[in-house]
Amino acid sequence: MYIFCTFVGMNYASKYLENAVNEMSQLPGIGKRTALRLVLHLLKQPESQTTALARALVDLKTEIRFCKQCHNISDTDICEICNDTQRNKKIICIVEDVRDVMAIENTSQYKGVYHILGGKISPIDGVGPGDLSITSLVKKVEEGAVDELIFALSSTMEGDTTNFYIYKQIEKYNIKTSTIARGIGVGDELEYADEVTLGRSILHRVPFENSLKVN
């Protein structure tokens, strides 16, 4: 027996409700039914609370800047981490995005600074080296501003490809390169690693050349 299911659009009592649901459903992992539930919840809240949420979202888009040194999100041109005089500016941890910075910072084990690439090389997704902030990283190395680069991208094919590409770009400068220890499972994203494991992986990092021999 075959059962045919027909999915029909929802009937909204208000065009304003429909517009809000449509916009909410654009968020990752939010379908129309979940969006409707969230919108109806907001509708029941005091106007001041909904207005505060709307204002926070507008401020998020219009006021946040990207650090001119590491590309982290910031309220100022230079982020708090890069401005911290207690940080070792000569040690740079290379990560994919701001979520990885947050994950590493939560371990309280790392005292260097970061460089956010904004993604990983992935030809199948149309992402090449020119789409990432690799050039500015290589420039830091060229200028002699770096003693050590720590590769902290996830150990996926895309992450390994990106690591290797950057390594080849800076190999001639003969600086120290390392990668986080494999306490993080292959294919795992940093943001999902527990703080203890991630902290130990940072502290017990290994020379990047060793990872090339393993692969």
C-alpha atoms as a PDB file:
ATOM      1  CA  MET A   1       0.000   0.000   0.000  1.00  0.00           C
ATOM      2  CA  TYR A   2       1.309   3.433  -0.920  1.00  0.00           C
ATOM      3  CA  ILE A   3       0.485   6.420   1.205  1.00  0.00           C
ATOM      4  CA  PHE A   4       0.638   9.749  -0.547  1.00  0.00           C
ATOM      5  CA  CYS A   5       1.266  12.757   1.691  1.00  0.00           C
ATOM      6  CA  THR A   6       0.441  16.199   0.483  1.00  0.00           C
ATOM      7  CA  PHE A   7       2.157  19.062   2.239  1.00  0.00           C
ATOM      8  CA  VAL A   8       0.200  22.267   2.056  1.00  0.00           C
ATOM      9  CA  GLY A   9       1.206  25.723   3.206  1.00  0.00           C
ATOM     10  CA  MET A  10       0.097  26.994   6.563  1.00  0.00           C
ATOM     11  CA  ASN A  11      -2.835  29.337   6.759  1.00  0.00           C
ATOM     12  CA  TYR A  12      -1.895  32.442   8.704  1.00  0.00           C
ATOM     13  CA  ALA A  13      -4.355  34.760  10.340  1.00  0.00           C
ATOM     14  CA  SER A  14      -2.118  37.754   9.704  1.00  0.00           C
ATOM     15  CA  LYS A  15       0.341  38.797   7.019  1.00  0.00           C
ATOM     16  CA  TYR A  16       2.571  40.174   9.796  1.00  0.00           C
ATOM     17  CA  LEU A  17       2.607  36.765  11.446  1.00  0.00           C
ATOM     18  CA  GLU A  18       3.385  35.111   8.123  1.00  0.00           C
ATOM     19  CA  ASN A  19       6.233  37.528   7.408  1.00  0.00           C
ATOM     20  CA  ALA A  20       7.740  36.947  10.855  1.00  0.00           C
ATOM     21  CA  VAL A  21       7.536  33.161  10.435  1.00  0.00           C
ATOM     22  CA  ASN A  22       9.120  33.337   6.984  1.00  0.00           C
ATOM     23  CA  GLU A  23      12.029  35.404   8.283  1.00  0.00           C
ATOM     24  CA  MET A  24      12.521  33.224  11.378  1.00  0.00           C
ATOM     25  CA  SER A  25      12.548  30.059   9.255  1.00  0.00           C
ATOM     26  CA  GLN A  26      15.591  31.374   7.363  1.00  0.00           C
ATOM     27  CA  LEU A  27      17.732  30.585  10.417  1.00  0.00           C
ATOM     28  CA  PRO A  28      19.749  27.326  10.332  1.00  0.00           C
ATOM     29  CA  GLY A  29      17.826  24.343  11.686  1.00  0.00           C
ATOM     30  CA  ILE A  30      14.565  26.271  11.994  1.00  0.00           C
ATOM     31  CA  GLY A  31      11.651  24.920   9.992  1.00  0.00           C
ATOM     32  CA  LYS A  32       8.292  26.622   9.486  1.00  0.00           C
ATOM     33  CA  ARG A  33       6.605  24.870  12.421  1.00  0.00           C
ATOM     34  CA  THR A  34       9.421  25.730  14.833  1.00  0.00           C
ATOM     35  CA  ALA A  35       9.465  29.272  13.476  1.00  0.00           C
ATOM     36  CA  LEU A  36       5.734  29.583  14.091  1.00  0.00           C
ATOM     37  CA  ARG A  37       6.136  28.356  17.666  1.00  0.00           C
ATOM     38  CA  LEU A  38       8.920  30.879  18.332  1.00  0.00           C
ATOM     39  CA  VAL A  39       7.019  33.756  16.770  1.00  0.00           C
ATOM     40  CA  LEU A  40       3.858  32.986  18.752  1.00  0.00           C
ATOM     41  CA  HIS A  41       5.989  32.848  21.917  1.00  0.00           C
ATOM     42  CA  LEU A  42       7.409  36.297  21.148  1.00  0.00           C
ATOM     43  CA  LEU A  43       3.929  37.585  20.471  1.00  0.00           C
ATOM     44  CA  LYS A  44       2.906  36.656  24.020  1.00  0.00           C
ATOM     45  CA  GLN A  45       5.871  38.446  25.604  1.00  0.00           C
ATOM     46  CA  PRO A  46       5.789  42.059  26.814  1.00  0.00           C
ATOM     47  CA  GLU A  47       6.452  44.530  24.014  1.00  0.00           C
ATOM     48  CA  SER A  48       9.583  45.752  25.783  1.00  0.00           C
ATOM     49  CA  GLN A  49      11.136  42.262  25.644  1.00  0.00           C
ATOM     50  CA  THR A  50      10.428  41.786  21.947  1.00  0.00           C
ATOM     51  CA  THR A  51      11.704  45.295  21.199  1.00  0.00           C
ATOM     52  CA  ALA A  52      14.895  44.584  23.148  1.00  0.00           C
ATOM     53  CA  LEU A  53      15.460  41.415  21.086  1.00  0.00           C
ATOM     54  CA  ALA A  54      14.896  43.280  17.829  1.00  0.00           C
ATOM     55  CA  ARG A  55      17.274  46.051  18.914  1.00  0.00           C
ATOM     56  CA  ALA A  56      19.942  43.521  19.917  1.00  0.00           C
ATOM     57  CA  LEU A  57      19.745  41.875  16.485  1.00  0.00           C
ATOM     58  CA  VAL A  58      20.011  45.218  14.692  1.00  0.00           C
ATOM     59  CA  ASP A  59      22.989  46.211  16.849  1.00  0.00           C
ATOM     60  CA  LEU A  60      24.567  42.821  16.153  1.00  0.00           C
ATOM     61  CA  LYS A  61      24.500  43.539  12.442  1.00  0.00           C
ATOM     62  CA  THR A  62      25.354  47.233  12.456  1.00  0.00           C
ATOM     63  CA  GLU A  63      27.770  47.676  15.363  1.00  0.00           C
ATOM     64  CA  ILE A  64      29.976  44.572  15.438  1.00  0.00           C
ATOM     65  CA  ARG A  65      33.363  44.959  13.747  1.00  0.00           C
ATOM     66  CA  PHE A  66      36.062  42.518  12.769  1.00  0.00           C
ATOM     67  CA  CYS A  67      39.451  42.843  14.429  1.00  0.00           C
ATOM     68  CA  LYS A  68      42.012  44.272  12.001  1.00  0.00           C
ATOM     69  CA  GLN A  69      44.688  41.969  13.381  1.00  0.00           C
ATOM     70  CA  CYS A  70      43.040  38.557  13.863  1.00  0.00           C
ATOM     71  CA  HIS A  71      39.590  38.938  12.191  1.00  0.00           C
ATOM     72  CA  ASN A  72      37.774  38.076  15.427  1.00  0.00           C
ATOM     73  CA  ILE A  73      34.436  39.775  16.079  1.00  0.00           C
ATOM     74  CA  SER A  74      34.844  42.832  18.244  1.00  0.00           C
ATOM     75  CA  ASP A  75      33.231  46.059  19.428  1.00  0.00           C
ATOM     76  CA  THR A  76      36.372  47.968  18.432  1.00  0.00           C
ATOM     77  CA  ASP A  77      38.909  47.905  15.593  1.00  0.00           C
ATOM     78  CA  ILE A  78      41.252  45.734  17.682  1.00  0.00           C
ATOM     79  CA  CYS A  79      39.692  42.968  19.789  1.00  0.00           C
ATOM     80  CA  GLU A  80      40.254  42.469  23.517  1.00  0.00           C
ATOM     81  CA  ILE A  81      42.508  39.459  22.959  1.00  0.00           C
ATOM     82  CA  CYS A  82      44.867  41.278  20.593  1.00  0.00           C
ATOM     83  CA  ASN A  83      44.846  44.304  22.929  1.00  0.00           C
ATOM     84  CA  ASP A  84      45.767  42.199  25.976  1.00  0.00           C
ATOM     85  CA  THR A  85      49.355  43.054  26.951  1.00  0.00           C
ATOM     86  CA  GLN A  86      49.660  39.729  28.798  1.00  0.00           C
ATOM     87  CA  ARG A  87      49.245  37.775  25.556  1.00  0.00           C
ATOM     88  CA  ASN A  88      52.203  36.421  23.608  1.00  0.00           C
ATOM     89  CA  LYS A  89      51.711  38.085  20.209  1.00  0.00           C
ATOM     90  CA  LYS A  90      54.427  35.908  18.676  1.00  0.00           C
ATOM     91  CA  ILE A  91      52.343  32.716  19.028  1.00  0.00           C
ATOM     92  CA  ILE A  92      49.361  32.558  16.674  1.00  0.00           C
ATOM     93  CA  CYS A  93      46.669  29.880  16.751  1.00  0.00           C
ATOM     94  CA  ILE A  94      44.986  29.395  13.371  1.00  0.00           C
ATOM     95  CA  VAL A  95      41.264  28.615  13.619  1.00  0.00           C
ATOM     96  CA  GLU A  96      38.304  28.444  11.278  1.00  0.00           C
ATOM     97  CA  ASP A  97      35.895  30.859  12.963  1.00  0.00           C
ATOM     98  CA  VAL A  98      34.981  32.714  16.149  1.00  0.00           C
ATOM     99  CA  ARG A  99      33.356  29.633  17.714  1.00  0.00           C
ATOM    100  CA  ASP A 100      36.772  27.976  17.842  1.00  0.00           C
ATOM    101  CA  VAL A 101      38.245  31.023  19.596  1.00  0.00           C
ATOM    102  CA  MET A 102      35.492  30.819  22.207  1.00  0.00           C
ATOM    103  CA  ALA A 103      36.091  27.093  22.705  1.00  0.00           C
ATOM    104  CA  ILE A 104      39.843  27.522  23.217  1.00  0.00           C
ATOM    105  CA  GLU A 105      39.414  30.572  25.440  1.00  0.00           C
ATOM    106  CA  ASN A 106      37.092  28.583  27.702  1.00  0.00           C
ATOM    107  CA  THR A 107      39.994  26.235  28.512  1.00  0.00           C
ATOM    108  CA  SER A 108      42.068  29.116  30.007  1.00  0.00           C
ATOM    109  CA  GLN A 109      45.166  27.219  28.809  1.00  0.00           C
ATOM    110  CA  TYR A 110      46.220  29.309  25.825  1.00  0.00           C
ATOM    111  CA  LYS A 111      48.041  32.638  26.197  1.00  0.00           C
ATOM    112  CA  GLY A 112      48.857  33.487  22.590  1.00  0.00           C
ATOM    113  CA  VAL A 113      46.675  35.216  19.997  1.00  0.00           C
ATOM    114  CA  TYR A 114      44.571  33.957  17.092  1.00  0.00           C
ATOM    115  CA  HIS A 115      44.105  34.232  13.360  1.00  0.00           C
ATOM    116  CA  ILE A 116      40.616  33.444  12.062  1.00  0.00           C
ATOM    117  CA  LEU A 117      40.527  32.163   8.501  1.00  0.00           C
ATOM    118  CA  GLY A 118      36.781  32.458   8.000  1.00  0.00           C
ATOM    119  CA  GLY A 119      36.430  28.895   6.727  1.00  0.00           C
ATOM    120  CA  LYS A 120      38.390  26.013   5.201  1.00  0.00           C
ATOM    121  CA  ILE A 121      39.531  25.260   1.664  1.00  0.00           C
ATOM    122  CA  SER A 122      36.783  23.188   0.057  1.00  0.00           C
ATOM    123  CA  PRO A 123      36.739  23.019  -3.763  1.00  0.00           C
ATOM    124  CA  ILE A 124      33.445  21.106  -3.735  1.00  0.00           C
ATOM    125  CA  ASP A 125      31.851  24.088  -1.957  1.00  0.00           C
ATOM    126  CA  GLY A 126      33.628  26.609  -4.150  1.00  0.00           C
ATOM    127  CA  VAL A 127      35.897  27.828  -1.337  1.00  0.00           C
ATOM    128  CA  GLY A 128      39.482  28.447  -2.392  1.00  0.00           C
ATOM    129  CA  PRO A 129      42.517  30.005  -0.654  1.00  0.00           C
ATOM    130  CA  GLY A 130      41.545  33.437  -1.982  1.00  0.00           C
ATOM    131  CA  ASP A 131      38.253  33.257  -0.068  1.00  0.00           C
ATOM    132  CA  LEU A 132      40.033  32.937   3.279  1.00  0.00           C
ATOM    133  CA  SER A 133      42.224  35.350   5.246  1.00  0.00           C
ATOM    134  CA  ILE A 134      45.413  33.460   4.397  1.00  0.00           C
ATOM    135  CA  THR A 135      47.251  36.349   2.733  1.00  0.00           C
ATOM    136  CA  SER A 136      47.178  38.489   5.889  1.00  0.00           C
ATOM    137  CA  LEU A 137      48.498  35.528   7.901  1.00  0.00           C
ATOM    138  CA  VAL A 138      51.412  34.981   5.527  1.00  0.00           C
ATOM    139  CA  LYS A 139      52.162  38.710   5.713  1.00  0.00           C
ATOM    140  CA  LYS A 140      52.525  38.473   9.501  1.00  0.00           C
ATOM    141  CA  VAL A 141      55.057  35.698   9.024  1.00  0.00           C
ATOM    142  CA  GLU A 142      56.927  37.653   6.336  1.00  0.00           C
ATOM    143  CA  GLU A 143      57.194  40.643   8.654  1.00  0.00           C
ATOM    144  CA  GLY A 144      58.827  38.513  11.355  1.00  0.00           C
ATOM    145  CA  ALA A 145      55.925  38.964  13.757  1.00  0.00           C
ATOM    146  CA  VAL A 146      55.529  35.225  14.406  1.00  0.00           C
ATOM    147  CA  ASP A 147      57.586  32.681  16.364  1.00  0.00           C
ATOM    148  CA  GLU A 148      55.070  29.825  16.194  1.00  0.00           C
ATOM    149  CA  LEU A 149      51.952  28.974  14.233  1.00  0.00           C
ATOM    150  CA  ILE A 150      49.535  26.504  15.813  1.00  0.00           C
ATOM    151  CA  PHE A 151      47.244  24.725  13.349  1.00  0.00           C
ATOM    152  CA  ALA A 152      43.935  24.209  15.148  1.00  0.00           C
ATOM    153  CA  LEU A 153      41.541  23.368  12.336  1.00  0.00           C
ATOM    154  CA  SER A 154      39.338  20.293  12.610  1.00  0.00           C
ATOM    155  CA  SER A 155      41.001  17.103  11.392  1.00  0.00           C
ATOM    156  CA  THR A 156      38.814  16.679   8.324  1.00  0.00           C
ATOM    157  CA  MET A 157      39.944  16.484   4.711  1.00  0.00           C
ATOM    158  CA  GLU A 158      39.169  20.189   4.298  1.00  0.00           C
ATOM    159  CA  GLY A 159      40.964  21.094   7.518  1.00  0.00           C
ATOM    160  CA  ASP A 160      44.048  19.062   6.613  1.00  0.00           C
ATOM    161  CA  THR A 161      44.103  20.535   3.107  1.00  0.00           C
ATOM    162  CA  THR A 162      43.959  24.060   4.524  1.00  0.00           C
ATOM    163  CA  ASN A 163      46.684  23.331   7.066  1.00  0.00           C
ATOM    164  CA  PHE A 164      48.973  21.924   4.374  1.00  0.00           C
ATOM    165  CA  TYR A 165      48.340  24.837   2.012  1.00  0.00           C
ATOM    166  CA  ILE A 166      49.254  27.382   4.684  1.00  0.00           C
ATOM    167  CA  TYR A 167      52.277  25.329   5.724  1.00  0.00           C
ATOM    168  CA  LYS A 168      53.624  25.390   2.161  1.00  0.00           C
ATOM    169  CA  GLN A 169      53.108  29.157   2.011  1.00  0.00           C
ATOM    170  CA  ILE A 170      55.222  29.834   5.105  1.00  0.00           C
ATOM    171  CA  GLU A 171      57.624  26.871   4.978  1.00  0.00           C
ATOM    172  CA  LYS A 172      60.539  28.930   3.625  1.00  0.00           C
ATOM    173  CA  TYR A 173      60.461  31.289   6.605  1.00  0.00           C
ATOM    174  CA  ASN A 174      61.596  28.501   8.907  1.00  0.00           C
ATOM    175  CA  ILE A 175      59.340  29.337  11.855  1.00  0.00           C
ATOM    176  CA  LYS A 176      58.010  26.813  14.350  1.00  0.00           C
ATOM    177  CA  THR A 177      54.756  25.147  13.304  1.00  0.00           C
ATOM    178  CA  SER A 178      52.675  22.852  15.483  1.00  0.00           C
ATOM    179  CA  THR A 179      49.261  21.245  15.569  1.00  0.00           C
ATOM    180  CA  ILE A 180      46.974  20.450  18.477  1.00  0.00           C
ATOM    181  CA  ALA A 181      47.467  16.965  19.884  1.00  0.00           C
ATOM    182  CA  ARG A 182      45.035  14.298  18.735  1.00  0.00           C
ATOM    183  CA  GLY A 183      43.049  14.337  21.936  1.00  0.00           C
ATOM    184  CA  ILE A 184      40.461  15.727  19.563  1.00  0.00           C
ATOM    185  CA  GLY A 185      38.931  12.910  17.529  1.00  0.00           C
ATOM    186  CA  VAL A 186      39.433  12.847  13.774  1.00  0.00           C
ATOM    187  CA  GLY A 187      36.597  14.762  12.126  1.00  0.00           C
ATOM    188  CA  ASP A 188      35.559  16.491  15.352  1.00  0.00           C
ATOM    189  CA  GLU A 189      34.911  20.220  15.480  1.00  0.00           C
ATOM    190  CA  LEU A 190      36.697  22.198  18.210  1.00  0.00           C
ATOM    191  CA  GLU A 191      33.539  23.868  19.465  1.00  0.00           C
ATOM    192  CA  TYR A 192      32.128  20.477  20.543  1.00  0.00           C
ATOM    193  CA  ALA A 193      35.236  19.280  22.393  1.00  0.00           C
ATOM    194  CA  ASP A 194      35.146  19.334  26.170  1.00  0.00           C
ATOM    195  CA  GLU A 195      37.314  21.990  27.805  1.00  0.00           C
ATOM    196  CA  VAL A 196      39.720  19.578  29.515  1.00  0.00           C
ATOM    197  CA  THR A 197      40.455  17.614  26.331  1.00  0.00           C
ATOM    198  CA  LEU A 198      40.829  20.760  24.243  1.00  0.00           C
ATOM    199  CA  GLY A 199      43.038  22.400  26.864  1.00  0.00           C
ATOM    200  CA  ARG A 200      45.357  19.388  26.951  1.00  0.00           C
ATOM    201  CA  SER A 201      45.455  19.294  23.148  1.00  0.00           C
ATOM    202  CA  ILE A 202      46.673  22.900  23.103  1.00  0.00           C
ATOM    203  CA  LEU A 203      49.257  22.387  25.838  1.00  0.00           C
ATOM    204  CA  HIS A 204      50.620  19.147  24.367  1.00  0.00           C
ATOM    205  CA  ARG A 205      50.672  20.259  20.737  1.00  0.00           C
ATOM    206  CA  VAL A 206      53.118  18.507  18.430  1.00  0.00           C
ATOM    207  CA  PRO A 207      55.291  19.689  15.514  1.00  0.00           C
ATOM    208  CA  PHE A 208      53.204  20.038  12.382  1.00  0.00           C
ATOM    209  CA  GLU A 209      55.766  18.041  10.407  1.00  0.00           C
ATOM    210  CA  ASN A 210      54.900  15.003  12.542  1.00  0.00           C
ATOM    211  CA  SER A 211      51.309  15.128  11.363  1.00  0.00           C
ATOM    212  CA  LEU A 212      52.518  15.085   7.771  1.00  0.00           C
ATOM    213  CA  LYS A 213      54.475  11.904   8.432  1.00  0.00           C
ATOM    214  CA  VAL A 214      51.429  10.270   9.993  1.00  0.00           C
ATOM    215  CA  ASN A 215      49.259  11.164   7.025  1.00  0.00           C
END
